[in-house]
């Protein structure tokens, strides 16, 4: 995912790689897609997710106040999951794949970076590690 170059203030920033120095954010998204291959048509597959704190260059403190918002695009009433980027142990969210018509199932998400406040965030590139935990899937 790429949330771009931002002139940060509290708010949400779409996963679209936008550079705020080039003008206003168009608010569009680069869809994030997960496809799983299930072990059998009768078995549910799950994908859990957690995120590490965002880190910058050496010598700066990690930022653990940020969060990722995943908004499902697979239904008329999309579900939203908030994943704290604080290194929480375990699965912050679990998505279930239950398409009985096929062993492959795909879900598409729009993802926002949620910035509640900018204190402790300096002007530099930050990265985080996102971990996906799979169960009952073909590897």
C-alpha atoms as a PDB file:
ATOM      1  CA  UNK A   1       0.000   0.000   0.000  1.00  0.00           C
ATOM      2  CA  UNK A   2       1.112   3.550  -0.667  1.00  0.00           C
ATOM      3  CA  UNK A   3      -0.521   6.444   1.164  1.00  0.00           C
ATOM      4  CA  UNK A   4       1.617   8.984  -0.710  1.00  0.00           C
ATOM      5  CA  UNK A   5       3.407  12.135   0.389  1.00  0.00           C
ATOM      6  CA  UNK A   6       1.125  14.004   2.749  1.00  0.00           C
ATOM      7  CA  UNK A   7       1.021  17.354   4.462  1.00  0.00           C
ATOM      8  CA  UNK A   8      -0.244  15.670   7.591  1.00  0.00           C
ATOM      9  CA  UNK A   9      -3.039  16.859   9.758  1.00  0.00           C
ATOM     10  CA  UNK A  10      -5.630  14.819  11.618  1.00  0.00           C
ATOM     11  CA  UNK A  11      -7.802  12.920   9.143  1.00  0.00           C
ATOM     12  CA  UNK A  12      -7.953   9.969   6.777  1.00  0.00           C
ATOM     13  CA  UNK A  13      -5.754   9.471   3.730  1.00  0.00           C
ATOM     14  CA  UNK A  14      -6.686   7.025   0.934  1.00  0.00           C
ATOM     15  CA  UNK A  15      -4.337   4.369  -0.403  1.00  0.00           C
ATOM     16  CA  UNK A  16      -3.668   6.106  -3.711  1.00  0.00           C
ATOM     17  CA  UNK A  17      -0.025   7.281  -3.637  1.00  0.00           C
ATOM     18  CA  UNK A  18      -1.075  10.947  -3.907  1.00  0.00           C
ATOM     19  CA  UNK A  19       1.524  13.697  -3.420  1.00  0.00           C
ATOM     20  CA  UNK A  20      -0.106  16.674  -1.664  1.00  0.00           C
ATOM     21  CA  UNK A  21       2.530  18.968  -3.229  1.00  0.00           C
ATOM     22  CA  UNK A  22       0.885  18.419  -6.653  1.00  0.00           C
ATOM     23  CA  UNK A  23      -2.570  19.613  -5.606  1.00  0.00           C
ATOM     24  CA  UNK A  24      -5.696  18.407  -3.821  1.00  0.00           C
ATOM     25  CA  UNK A  25      -6.183  14.682  -3.262  1.00  0.00           C
ATOM     26  CA  UNK A  26      -8.791  13.370  -5.740  1.00  0.00           C
ATOM     27  CA  UNK A  27     -10.053  10.967  -3.058  1.00  0.00           C
ATOM     28  CA  UNK A  28      -9.787   7.935  -5.322  1.00  0.00           C
ATOM     29  CA  UNK A  29      -8.475   4.568  -4.140  1.00  0.00           C
ATOM     30  CA  UNK A  30      -6.118   1.920  -5.409  1.00  0.00           C
ATOM     31  CA  UNK A  31      -8.153  -1.186  -4.530  1.00  0.00           C
ATOM     32  CA  UNK A  32      -6.498  -3.724  -2.239  1.00  0.00           C
ATOM     33  CA  UNK A  33      -7.484  -7.303  -3.107  1.00  0.00           C
ATOM     34  CA  UNK A  34      -7.060 -10.575  -1.219  1.00  0.00           C
ATOM     35  CA  UNK A  35      -7.700 -13.895  -2.964  1.00  0.00           C
ATOM     36  CA  UNK A  36      -7.628 -17.156  -1.034  1.00  0.00           C
ATOM     37  CA  UNK A  37      -7.716 -20.744  -2.233  1.00  0.00           C
ATOM     38  CA  UNK A  38      -9.670 -22.840   0.265  1.00  0.00           C
ATOM     39  CA  UNK A  39      -8.835 -26.419   1.167  1.00  0.00           C
ATOM     40  CA  UNK A  40     -12.401 -27.523   0.356  1.00  0.00           C
ATOM     41  CA  UNK A  41     -15.690 -25.943  -0.684  1.00  0.00           C
ATOM     42  CA  UNK A  42     -17.205 -26.703   2.721  1.00  0.00           C
ATOM     43  CA  UNK A  43     -14.349 -25.158   4.710  1.00  0.00           C
ATOM     44  CA  UNK A  44     -14.320 -21.466   5.680  1.00  0.00           C
ATOM     45  CA  UNK A  45     -11.031 -19.677   5.214  1.00  0.00           C
ATOM     46  CA  UNK A  46     -10.015 -16.737   7.355  1.00  0.00           C
ATOM     47  CA  UNK A  47      -7.466 -13.962   6.944  1.00  0.00           C
ATOM     48  CA  UNK A  48      -6.414 -12.119  10.098  1.00  0.00           C
ATOM     49  CA  UNK A  49      -4.473  -8.865  10.053  1.00  0.00           C
ATOM     50  CA  UNK A  50      -2.259  -6.833  12.360  1.00  0.00           C
ATOM     51  CA  UNK A  51       0.069  -3.867  11.764  1.00  0.00           C
ATOM     52  CA  UNK A  52       3.307  -2.736  13.399  1.00  0.00           C
ATOM     53  CA  UNK A  53       3.889   0.848  14.529  1.00  0.00           C
ATOM     54  CA  UNK A  54       5.032   3.140  11.704  1.00  0.00           C
ATOM     55  CA  UNK A  55       8.776   3.780  11.838  1.00  0.00           C
ATOM     56  CA  UNK A  56      10.900   6.458  10.206  1.00  0.00           C
ATOM     57  CA  UNK A  57      14.652   6.846  10.037  1.00  0.00           C
ATOM     58  CA  UNK A  58      17.014   5.605  12.729  1.00  0.00           C
ATOM     59  CA  UNK A  59      16.822   7.706  15.869  1.00  0.00           C
ATOM     60  CA  UNK A  60      13.121   8.577  15.577  1.00  0.00           C
ATOM     61  CA  UNK A  61      10.467   7.042  17.774  1.00  0.00           C
ATOM     62  CA  UNK A  62       7.875   4.712  16.206  1.00  0.00           C
ATOM     63  CA  UNK A  63       4.411   6.212  15.748  1.00  0.00           C
ATOM     64  CA  UNK A  64       1.820   3.905  17.318  1.00  0.00           C
ATOM     65  CA  UNK A  65      -1.206   6.234  17.204  1.00  0.00           C
ATOM     66  CA  UNK A  66      -2.028   5.559  13.533  1.00  0.00           C
ATOM     67  CA  UNK A  67      -4.541   3.030  12.252  1.00  0.00           C
ATOM     68  CA  UNK A  68      -5.577   1.448   8.969  1.00  0.00           C
ATOM     69  CA  UNK A  69      -9.245   1.414   7.938  1.00  0.00           C
ATOM     70  CA  UNK A  70     -10.218  -1.417   5.586  1.00  0.00           C
ATOM     71  CA  UNK A  71     -13.617  -0.916   3.918  1.00  0.00           C
ATOM     72  CA  UNK A  72     -15.049  -3.959   2.155  1.00  0.00           C
ATOM     73  CA  UNK A  73     -16.210  -3.343  -1.412  1.00  0.00           C
ATOM     74  CA  UNK A  74     -17.970  -6.712  -1.762  1.00  0.00           C
ATOM     75  CA  UNK A  75     -21.444  -5.792  -0.523  1.00  0.00           C
ATOM     76  CA  UNK A  76     -24.039  -3.048  -0.815  1.00  0.00           C
ATOM     77  CA  UNK A  77     -23.475  -2.133   2.852  1.00  0.00           C
ATOM     78  CA  UNK A  78     -19.674  -2.208   3.207  1.00  0.00           C
ATOM     79  CA  UNK A  79     -18.126  -3.342   6.475  1.00  0.00           C
ATOM     80  CA  UNK A  80     -15.247  -1.380   7.996  1.00  0.00           C
ATOM     81  CA  UNK A  81     -12.382  -2.776  10.052  1.00  0.00           C
ATOM     82  CA  UNK A  82     -10.000  -0.551  12.025  1.00  0.00           C
ATOM     83  CA  UNK A  83      -6.539  -2.045  12.446  1.00  0.00           C
ATOM     84  CA  UNK A  84      -4.424  -0.222  15.067  1.00  0.00           C
ATOM     85  CA  UNK A  85      -0.851   0.227  13.817  1.00  0.00           C
ATOM     86  CA  UNK A  86       0.551  -0.385  17.277  1.00  0.00           C
ATOM     87  CA  UNK A  87       1.958  -3.903  17.021  1.00  0.00           C
ATOM     88  CA  UNK A  88      -0.956  -5.433  18.934  1.00  0.00           C
ATOM     89  CA  UNK A  89      -0.501  -9.140  19.402  1.00  0.00           C
ATOM     90  CA  UNK A  90      -2.905 -11.470  17.648  1.00  0.00           C
ATOM     91  CA  UNK A  91      -5.389 -10.792  14.917  1.00  0.00           C
ATOM     92  CA  UNK A  92      -6.913  -7.336  14.891  1.00  0.00           C
ATOM     93  CA  UNK A  93      -9.512  -8.354  12.319  1.00  0.00           C
ATOM     94  CA  UNK A  94     -10.603 -11.599  10.719  1.00  0.00           C
ATOM     95  CA  UNK A  95     -12.228 -11.803   7.316  1.00  0.00           C
ATOM     96  CA  UNK A  96     -14.105 -14.965   6.464  1.00  0.00           C
ATOM     97  CA  UNK A  97     -14.195 -16.324   2.907  1.00  0.00           C
ATOM     98  CA  UNK A  98     -17.213 -18.577   2.394  1.00  0.00           C
ATOM     99  CA  UNK A  99     -17.953 -18.628  -1.328  1.00  0.00           C
ATOM    100  CA  UNK A 100     -19.361 -22.152  -1.736  1.00  0.00           C
ATOM    101  CA  UNK A 101     -19.440 -21.960  -5.537  1.00  0.00           C
ATOM    102  CA  UNK A 102     -15.666 -21.959  -5.923  1.00  0.00           C
ATOM    103  CA  UNK A 103     -12.499 -22.827  -4.059  1.00  0.00           C
ATOM    104  CA  UNK A 104     -11.069 -19.402  -4.913  1.00  0.00           C
ATOM    105  CA  UNK A 105     -12.610 -16.417  -3.174  1.00  0.00           C
ATOM    106  CA  UNK A 106     -11.673 -12.742  -3.539  1.00  0.00           C
ATOM    107  CA  UNK A 107     -12.434  -9.695  -1.420  1.00  0.00           C
ATOM    108  CA  UNK A 108     -11.628  -6.107  -2.383  1.00  0.00           C
ATOM    109  CA  UNK A 109     -11.021  -3.277   0.084  1.00  0.00           C
ATOM    110  CA  UNK A 110     -10.478   0.469   0.057  1.00  0.00           C
ATOM    111  CA  UNK A 111      -7.860   1.306   2.677  1.00  0.00           C
ATOM    112  CA  UNK A 112      -7.378   4.611   4.520  1.00  0.00           C
ATOM    113  CA  UNK A 113      -4.575   5.680   6.839  1.00  0.00           C
ATOM    114  CA  UNK A 114      -6.198   7.242   9.901  1.00  0.00           C
ATOM    115  CA  UNK A 115      -4.151   9.995  11.578  1.00  0.00           C
ATOM    116  CA  UNK A 116      -5.803  11.077  14.860  1.00  0.00           C
ATOM    117  CA  UNK A 117      -3.156  13.746  15.634  1.00  0.00           C
ATOM    118  CA  UNK A 118       0.216  14.716  14.193  1.00  0.00           C
ATOM    119  CA  UNK A 119       2.215  15.116  17.408  1.00  0.00           C
ATOM    120  CA  UNK A 120       5.390  13.030  17.276  1.00  0.00           C
ATOM    121  CA  UNK A 121       5.320  12.722  13.468  1.00  0.00           C
ATOM    122  CA  UNK A 122       8.166  14.426  11.616  1.00  0.00           C
ATOM    123  CA  UNK A 123       8.582  15.168   7.901  1.00  0.00           C
ATOM    124  CA  UNK A 124      10.077  11.892   6.636  1.00  0.00           C
ATOM    125  CA  UNK A 125       9.137   8.568   5.067  1.00  0.00           C
ATOM    126  CA  UNK A 126       7.401   6.145   7.437  1.00  0.00           C
ATOM    127  CA  UNK A 127       6.788   2.441   6.922  1.00  0.00           C
ATOM    128  CA  UNK A 128       4.889  -0.271   8.790  1.00  0.00           C
ATOM    129  CA  UNK A 129       4.767  -4.040   8.534  1.00  0.00           C
ATOM    130  CA  UNK A 130       1.337  -5.530   7.915  1.00  0.00           C
ATOM    131  CA  UNK A 131       0.961  -9.205   8.801  1.00  0.00           C
ATOM    132  CA  UNK A 132      -1.736 -11.426   7.322  1.00  0.00           C
ATOM    133  CA  UNK A 133      -2.507 -14.704   9.097  1.00  0.00           C
ATOM    134  CA  UNK A 134      -4.204 -17.364   6.958  1.00  0.00           C
ATOM    135  CA  UNK A 135      -6.170 -20.430   8.035  1.00  0.00           C
ATOM    136  CA  UNK A 136      -7.779 -23.240   6.016  1.00  0.00           C
ATOM    137  CA  UNK A 137      -6.202 -22.060   2.777  1.00  0.00           C
ATOM    138  CA  UNK A 138      -4.085 -23.667   0.093  1.00  0.00           C
ATOM    139  CA  UNK A 139      -0.492 -22.549   0.344  1.00  0.00           C
END
